[in-house]
């Protein structure tokens, strides 16, 4: 590839302009450094050695992708190993991270080594031009591109081309394989339908504030108020399980309106209503994709999800009045115990959480 000299200047034997160029501040531009050919440019053995190095990196990347898939299938996810400084970690995660990370590194390193050692190493100088290129400029650009593609060796260096194509073809496979982890149901584990059909709310479970775990009396909630609540047993359950799974399903809200404003509820009777003096309890987890909700509009009695604007009318059985949610927010039946504190009558009578499964399936 030859350099394009700036109009009004001459090009030296190395292709650099030697005219009197000036910087915007009026000072003369520094003379360009002389072009020094690389070893691979003058030594065919060095070029072949660089070619082997690049193809080796691409080939190792391909093998590492295959090793990723093998590790994903063969290594038990429950196996842990102890490492110095880091501590214990999953053997599966370690193997997957190393194989995939090294594969990405080797593809990048191979491409960089290819560019530095084998692709053309010349400087091209060209004046700025208007955004719209002339037909002659476009033809010239195409010819320059074709020349660059030819000089890069992608067509002539078959071993590099084949190993690169192999590495790039295998590269997406780990991304497809790990999609399997979005949901895996072993034969001895419950399905999503079963997992979300029950929470730790039970009959007589005291309702407490989320965070402080303080029991609540009806007089503690003013009309129009909203309180984030959880079961009193949640703190101990989390200590035993060591996870937030119970909280994710049992998180609830209490809202209070005047009894006359309640148009309908999801259950109960005149003798055993599901509210206490206008206090209603609902799941806090949106039935669309599971976002937590605490945005309550006192005048309209509507609960608004901040993620996708699903809106539920809590005065009318928490029915959906707007947005993508497909079903209402589950209501928790409540009453008061002998000491006057709010408690649950039972668990939710409907599935909590997002509706990403068919409720009729098991």
Protein backbone atom coordinates (compact mmCIF):
# COMPACT_ATOMS: atom_id res chain seq x y z
CA UNK A 1 0.00 0.00 0.00
CA UNK A 2 1.42 3.40 -0.92
CA UNK A 3 1.00 6.59 1.07
CA UNK A 4 -1.04 9.48 -0.27
CA UNK A 5 0.96 12.69 -0.08
CA UNK A 6 -0.70 15.95 0.90
CA UNK A 7 -1.12 18.35 -2.03
CA UNK A 8 1.74 20.83 -2.24
CA UNK A 9 4.24 18.50 -0.64
CA UNK A 10 6.49 15.74 -1.81
CA UNK A 11 6.88 12.27 -0.41
CA UNK A 12 10.27 10.91 0.63
CA UNK A 13 11.54 7.40 -0.02
CA UNK A 14 9.63 6.13 3.04
CA UNK A 15 6.31 7.58 1.87
CA UNK A 16 6.30 10.49 4.38
CA UNK A 17 5.49 14.05 3.39
CA UNK A 18 8.51 16.34 3.46
CA UNK A 19 6.80 19.66 2.68
CA UNK A 20 6.64 22.61 5.05
CA UNK A 21 3.59 21.70 7.09
CA UNK A 22 2.35 23.95 9.86
CA UNK A 23 0.33 23.31 13.02
CA UNK A 24 -2.79 25.40 13.76
CA UNK A 25 -0.69 27.61 16.07
CA UNK A 26 1.63 28.52 13.20
CA UNK A 27 4.57 26.45 14.34
CA UNK A 28 6.16 24.04 11.91
CA UNK A 29 5.06 20.44 12.24
CA UNK A 30 7.72 18.03 13.52
CA UNK A 31 9.36 15.84 10.94
CA UNK A 32 7.90 12.32 10.86
CA UNK A 33 10.01 9.49 12.16
CA UNK A 34 11.53 7.26 9.50
CA UNK A 35 9.66 4.05 8.84
CA UNK A 36 11.38 1.00 10.29
CA UNK A 37 10.30 -2.28 8.73
CA UNK A 38 9.37 -5.07 11.11
CA UNK A 39 11.25 -8.32 11.15
CA UNK A 40 8.26 -10.14 9.71
CA UNK A 41 8.29 -7.70 6.76
CA UNK A 42 11.80 -8.70 5.66
CA UNK A 43 12.21 -12.20 7.08
CA UNK A 44 9.86 -14.89 5.71
CA UNK A 45 10.76 -17.20 8.62
CA UNK A 46 9.66 -14.56 11.12
CA UNK A 47 6.42 -14.08 9.21
CA UNK A 48 5.70 -17.82 9.26
CA UNK A 49 6.55 -17.98 12.96
CA UNK A 50 4.12 -15.13 13.70
CA UNK A 51 1.50 -16.90 11.59
CA UNK A 52 1.92 -20.06 13.66
CA UNK A 53 1.66 -18.08 16.89
CA UNK A 54 -1.58 -16.41 15.82
CA UNK A 55 -3.15 -19.65 14.61
CA UNK A 56 -2.09 -21.39 17.83
CA UNK A 57 -3.93 -18.75 19.89
CA UNK A 58 -7.09 -19.18 17.82
CA UNK A 59 -6.83 -22.97 18.07
CA UNK A 60 -6.36 -22.85 21.86
CA UNK A 61 -9.40 -20.55 22.09
CA UNK A 62 -11.44 -23.16 20.24
CA UNK A 63 -10.26 -25.91 22.60
CA UNK A 64 -11.06 -23.77 25.64
CA UNK A 65 -14.62 -23.22 24.40
CA UNK A 66 -15.00 -26.99 24.08
CA UNK A 67 -13.51 -27.37 27.58
CA UNK A 68 -16.10 -24.87 28.85
CA UNK A 69 -18.93 -27.05 27.56
CA UNK A 70 -17.35 -30.19 29.03
CA UNK A 71 -16.86 -28.50 32.41
CA UNK A 72 -20.44 -27.25 32.39
CA UNK A 73 -21.75 -30.77 31.88
CA UNK A 74 -19.23 -32.80 33.90
CA UNK A 75 -18.49 -30.77 37.05
CA UNK A 76 -21.00 -31.03 39.86
CA UNK A 77 -22.24 -27.57 40.82
CA UNK A 78 -22.12 -28.49 44.51
CA UNK A 79 -18.37 -29.27 44.51
CA UNK A 80 -16.26 -26.55 46.15
CA UNK A 81 -12.49 -26.14 46.32
CA UNK A 82 -10.25 -24.15 48.66
CA UNK A 83 -7.90 -21.59 47.13
CA UNK A 84 -5.22 -19.55 48.88
CA UNK A 85 -6.21 -15.94 49.65
CA UNK A 86 -9.53 -16.30 47.77
CA UNK A 87 -10.97 -19.00 50.01
CA UNK A 88 -13.58 -21.58 49.02
CA UNK A 89 -15.45 -21.30 45.75
CA UNK A 90 -17.44 -23.43 43.36
CA UNK A 91 -15.29 -25.70 41.22
CA UNK A 92 -17.79 -25.32 38.40
CA UNK A 93 -17.69 -21.53 38.49
CA UNK A 94 -13.89 -21.56 38.57
CA UNK A 95 -13.63 -23.89 35.57
CA UNK A 96 -16.24 -22.00 33.56
CA UNK A 97 -14.67 -18.64 34.31
CA UNK A 98 -11.15 -19.75 33.43
CA UNK A 99 -12.02 -21.54 30.20
CA UNK A 100 -14.33 -18.87 28.82
CA UNK A 101 -12.16 -15.98 30.01
CA UNK A 102 -9.01 -17.44 28.48
CA UNK A 103 -10.86 -18.17 25.24
CA UNK A 104 -11.90 -14.52 24.95
CA UNK A 105 -8.36 -13.39 25.83
CA UNK A 106 -6.71 -15.64 23.25
CA UNK A 107 -9.04 -14.52 20.45
CA UNK A 108 -8.25 -10.89 21.26
CA UNK A 109 -4.53 -11.50 21.72
CA UNK A 110 -4.36 -13.43 18.46
CA UNK A 111 -6.07 -10.61 16.56
CA UNK A 112 -3.70 -8.03 18.07
CA UNK A 113 -0.63 -10.15 17.33
CA UNK A 114 -1.85 -10.65 13.77
CA UNK A 115 -2.26 -6.89 13.29
CA UNK A 116 1.12 -6.03 14.82
CA UNK A 117 3.21 -8.66 13.09
CA UNK A 118 1.60 -9.45 9.75
CA UNK A 119 -0.79 -6.72 8.63
CA UNK A 120 0.62 -3.72 6.68
CA UNK A 121 2.61 -1.27 8.79
CA UNK A 122 2.48 1.94 6.77
CA UNK A 123 1.21 5.45 7.43
CA UNK A 124 -1.41 7.03 5.20
CA UNK A 125 -1.83 10.80 5.05
CA UNK A 126 -4.93 12.31 3.51
CA UNK A 127 -6.52 15.75 3.67
CA UNK A 128 -9.92 16.14 5.29
CA UNK A 129 -12.75 16.33 2.84
CA UNK A 130 -16.47 17.01 2.83
CA UNK A 131 -18.74 14.36 4.29
CA UNK A 132 -20.13 13.41 0.90
CA UNK A 133 -17.52 11.56 -1.07
CA UNK A 134 -17.22 11.85 -4.81
CA UNK A 135 -17.62 8.75 -6.98
CA UNK A 136 -13.89 8.74 -7.55
CA UNK A 137 -13.26 8.78 -3.79
CA UNK A 138 -15.67 5.93 -3.25
CA UNK A 139 -14.01 3.87 -5.94
CA UNK A 140 -10.65 4.64 -4.40
CA UNK A 141 -11.90 3.64 -0.94
CA UNK A 142 -13.12 0.33 -2.31
CA UNK A 143 -9.80 -0.30 -3.98
CA UNK A 144 -7.94 0.59 -0.78
CA UNK A 145 -10.19 -1.76 1.18
CA UNK A 146 -9.65 -4.55 -1.31
CA UNK A 147 -5.92 -3.95 -1.20
CA UNK A 148 -5.93 -3.98 2.60
CA UNK A 149 -7.93 -7.18 2.67
CA UNK A 150 -5.45 -8.77 0.30
CA UNK A 151 -2.39 -7.50 2.16
CA UNK A 152 -3.80 -8.56 5.56
CA UNK A 153 -3.34 -12.14 4.47
CA UNK A 154 -6.87 -13.23 5.40
CA UNK A 155 -7.28 -14.79 1.99
CA UNK A 156 -3.80 -16.16 1.50
CA UNK A 157 -2.97 -17.28 5.03
CA UNK A 158 -5.34 -20.20 5.20
CA UNK A 159 -4.29 -21.52 8.60
CA UNK A 160 -5.06 -18.18 10.28
CA UNK A 161 -8.37 -17.85 8.45
CA UNK A 162 -9.50 -21.36 9.35
CA UNK A 163 -8.49 -21.23 13.01
CA UNK A 164 -10.09 -17.78 13.45
CA UNK A 165 -13.34 -18.92 11.85
CA UNK A 166 -13.32 -22.03 14.05
CA UNK A 167 -12.76 -19.97 17.21
CA UNK A 168 -15.46 -17.44 16.34
CA UNK A 169 -17.90 -20.20 15.33
CA UNK A 170 -17.47 -21.96 18.67
CA UNK A 171 -17.41 -18.75 20.74
CA UNK A 172 -21.24 -18.30 20.99
CA UNK A 173 -21.78 -21.87 22.21
CA UNK A 174 -21.10 -21.10 25.92
CA UNK A 175 -23.64 -18.26 25.73
CA UNK A 176 -26.23 -20.71 24.41
CA UNK A 177 -25.29 -23.41 26.91
CA UNK A 178 -25.59 -21.18 29.99
CA UNK A 179 -29.12 -20.17 28.95
CA UNK A 180 -30.05 -23.55 30.39
CA UNK A 181 -29.41 -22.11 33.85
CA UNK A 182 -32.34 -19.72 33.52
CA UNK A 183 -34.42 -22.48 35.04
CA UNK A 184 -33.48 -26.07 35.75
CA UNK A 185 -35.94 -28.30 37.55
CA UNK A 186 -34.34 -31.51 38.83
CA UNK A 187 -36.70 -34.42 39.17
CA UNK A 188 -36.60 -34.20 42.98
CA UNK A 189 -37.21 -30.42 43.15
CA UNK A 190 -40.52 -28.52 43.06
CA UNK A 191 -41.62 -26.73 39.90
CA UNK A 192 -42.07 -22.92 39.76
CA UNK A 193 -45.79 -23.48 40.16
CA UNK A 194 -45.22 -25.36 43.41
CA UNK A 195 -42.55 -22.97 44.71
CA UNK A 196 -44.76 -19.90 44.35
CA UNK A 197 -47.96 -21.49 45.60
CA UNK A 198 -46.88 -21.38 49.26
CA UNK A 199 -45.16 -18.83 51.52
CA UNK A 200 -44.26 -18.84 55.23
CA UNK A 201 -47.48 -17.01 56.12
CA UNK A 202 -49.57 -19.32 58.34
CA UNK A 203 -52.69 -19.03 60.43
CA UNK A 204 -52.01 -16.82 63.44
CA UNK A 205 -48.67 -15.53 62.04
CA UNK A 206 -48.14 -12.08 63.52
CA UNK A 207 -47.67 -9.25 61.02
CA UNK A 208 -44.59 -7.08 61.74
CA UNK A 209 -42.94 -4.11 60.07
CA UNK A 210 -40.22 -4.92 57.55
CA UNK A 211 -36.82 -4.07 59.01
CA UNK A 212 -37.73 -3.37 62.63
CA UNK A 213 -39.95 -6.47 63.09
CA UNK A 214 -42.36 -4.48 65.27
CA UNK A 215 -45.88 -5.94 65.67
CA UNK A 216 -48.70 -3.74 64.40
CA UNK A 217 -52.07 -2.83 65.87
CA UNK A 218 -54.91 -1.52 63.67
CA UNK A 219 -54.70 1.91 65.31
CA UNK A 220 -51.06 2.21 64.19
CA UNK A 221 -52.12 2.65 60.54
CA UNK A 222 -53.95 5.87 59.57
CA UNK A 223 -56.49 5.98 56.77
CA UNK A 224 -54.56 6.32 53.52
CA UNK A 225 -51.40 4.86 55.04
CA UNK A 226 -49.22 2.06 53.70
CA UNK A 227 -46.82 -0.14 55.67
CA UNK A 228 -44.33 -2.69 54.33
CA UNK A 229 -44.69 -5.87 56.39
CA UNK A 230 -43.35 -9.41 56.71
CA UNK A 231 -44.18 -12.45 58.86
CA UNK A 232 -42.76 -12.37 62.37
CA UNK A 233 -40.99 -15.69 61.76
CA UNK A 234 -39.07 -14.38 58.73
CA UNK A 235 -35.99 -13.33 60.70
CA UNK A 236 -35.43 -16.83 62.09
CA UNK A 237 -36.21 -18.48 58.75
CA UNK A 238 -33.56 -16.37 57.02
CA UNK A 239 -30.99 -17.25 59.68
CA UNK A 240 -31.63 -20.96 59.15
CA UNK A 241 -31.87 -20.92 55.36
CA UNK A 242 -29.20 -18.30 54.78
CA UNK A 243 -31.11 -17.01 51.72
CA UNK A 244 -33.70 -14.36 50.84
CA UNK A 245 -36.07 -16.85 49.20
CA UNK A 246 -38.65 -16.67 51.98
CA UNK A 247 -38.62 -12.86 51.99
CA UNK A 248 -39.01 -12.75 48.20
CA UNK A 249 -42.31 -14.61 48.46
CA UNK A 250 -43.71 -13.35 51.78
CA UNK A 251 -43.08 -9.59 51.44
CA UNK A 252 -46.42 -7.78 51.76
CA UNK A 253 -48.03 -4.40 52.27
CA UNK A 254 -50.82 -3.12 54.50
CA UNK A 255 -53.04 -0.28 53.32
CA UNK A 256 -55.96 1.34 55.10
CA UNK A 257 -59.06 2.91 53.64
CA UNK A 258 -62.51 3.48 55.07
CA UNK A 259 -64.60 0.27 55.02
CA UNK A 260 -67.20 1.97 52.79
CA UNK A 261 -64.55 2.48 50.10
CA UNK A 262 -63.87 -1.25 49.78
CA UNK A 263 -65.95 -2.45 46.83
CA UNK A 264 -64.85 -6.08 46.81
CA UNK A 265 -62.30 -8.50 48.28
CA UNK A 266 -60.81 -11.77 47.06
CA UNK A 267 -62.50 -13.81 49.79
CA UNK A 268 -64.05 -13.79 53.22
CA UNK A 269 -67.58 -13.24 54.43
CA UNK A 270 -69.56 -10.80 56.51
CA UNK A 271 -68.76 -12.87 59.61
CA UNK A 272 -65.06 -13.36 58.75
CA UNK A 273 -63.92 -10.61 56.39
CA UNK A 274 -60.35 -10.53 55.07
CA UNK A 275 -59.87 -6.92 56.23
CA UNK A 276 -59.68 -5.37 59.69
CA UNK A 277 -61.53 -2.03 59.93
CA UNK A 278 -60.55 -1.19 56.33
CA UNK A 279 -56.98 -2.51 56.62
CA UNK A 280 -56.13 -4.77 53.68
CA UNK A 281 -53.03 -6.89 53.13
CA UNK A 282 -51.61 -7.72 49.70
CA UNK A 283 -48.49 -9.29 48.28
CA UNK A 284 -45.77 -6.75 47.53
CA UNK A 285 -44.51 -8.63 44.46
CA UNK A 286 -45.94 -7.55 41.12
CA UNK A 287 -47.65 -10.31 39.17
CA UNK A 288 -46.02 -9.14 35.92
CA UNK A 289 -42.26 -9.79 36.36
CA UNK A 290 -41.90 -9.69 40.15
CA UNK A 291 -40.93 -6.09 40.92
CA UNK A 292 -41.56 -4.94 44.52
CA UNK A 293 -44.33 -2.35 44.78
CA UNK A 294 -44.92 0.36 47.39
CA UNK A 295 -46.33 3.21 45.30
CA UNK A 296 -49.86 3.75 46.60
CA UNK A 297 -52.27 6.47 45.46
CA UNK A 298 -54.47 7.27 48.44
CA UNK A 299 -57.33 8.95 46.58
CA UNK A 300 -57.76 6.33 43.86
CA UNK A 301 -56.66 3.36 46.04
CA UNK A 302 -54.43 2.23 43.18
CA UNK A 303 -51.09 0.47 43.57
CA UNK A 304 -48.57 1.36 40.84
CA UNK A 305 -45.64 -0.83 39.83
CA UNK A 306 -42.58 1.36 39.09
CA UNK A 307 -41.08 -1.10 36.59
CA UNK A 308 -43.72 -1.35 33.86
CA UNK A 309 -46.60 0.75 35.26
CA UNK A 310 -48.98 -2.11 36.00
CA UNK A 311 -51.75 -0.60 38.13
CA UNK A 312 -53.99 -2.45 40.60
CA UNK A 313 -57.19 -1.22 42.28
CA UNK A 314 -56.85 -2.32 45.90
CA UNK A 315 -60.41 -1.26 46.67
CA UNK A 316 -61.72 -3.72 44.10
CA UNK A 317 -59.94 -7.02 44.86
CA UNK A 318 -56.63 -5.56 43.56
CA UNK A 319 -57.76 -6.05 39.96
CA UNK A 320 -55.54 -4.90 37.12
CA UNK A 321 -56.72 -1.58 35.71
CA UNK A 322 -53.69 -0.74 33.56
CA UNK A 323 -50.42 -2.18 32.32
CA UNK A 324 -49.03 -5.55 31.26
CA UNK A 325 -49.83 -7.55 34.41
CA UNK A 326 -52.13 -10.46 33.59
CA UNK A 327 -53.65 -11.09 37.03
CA UNK A 328 -54.50 -9.29 40.26
CA UNK A 329 -52.28 -8.90 43.32
CA UNK A 330 -52.90 -11.76 45.80
CA UNK A 331 -54.67 -10.70 49.00
CA UNK A 332 -53.62 -11.98 52.43
CA UNK A 333 -56.53 -12.70 54.82
CA UNK A 334 -55.92 -10.93 58.15
CA UNK A 335 -57.49 -10.51 61.55
CA UNK A 336 -56.37 -9.56 65.10
CA UNK A 337 -55.16 -11.84 67.87
CA UNK A 338 -56.12 -11.84 71.54
CA UNK A 339 -53.62 -9.04 72.24
CA UNK A 340 -54.99 -6.83 69.50
CA UNK A 341 -52.15 -7.26 67.02
CA UNK A 342 -52.68 -7.92 63.33
CA UNK A 343 -52.13 -11.54 62.28
CA UNK A 344 -52.69 -13.62 59.15
CA UNK A 345 -55.74 -15.86 58.86
CA UNK A 346 -53.91 -18.16 56.46
CA UNK A 347 -51.41 -18.10 53.60
CA UNK A 348 -52.21 -16.39 50.30
CA UNK A 349 -54.97 -18.17 48.44
CA UNK A 350 -53.37 -17.39 45.04
CA UNK A 351 -49.87 -17.75 43.65
CA UNK A 352 -47.52 -14.89 44.49
CA UNK A 353 -44.92 -13.39 42.20
CA UNK A 354 -44.63 -13.13 38.42
CA UNK A 355 -46.90 -15.14 36.14
CA UNK A 356 -44.22 -16.73 33.95
CA UNK A 357 -45.58 -20.24 34.19
CA UNK A 358 -48.84 -21.96 33.40
CA UNK A 359 -50.71 -22.28 36.68
CA UNK A 360 -52.36 -25.44 35.49
CA UNK A 361 -48.99 -27.21 35.05
CA UNK A 362 -47.20 -29.10 37.76
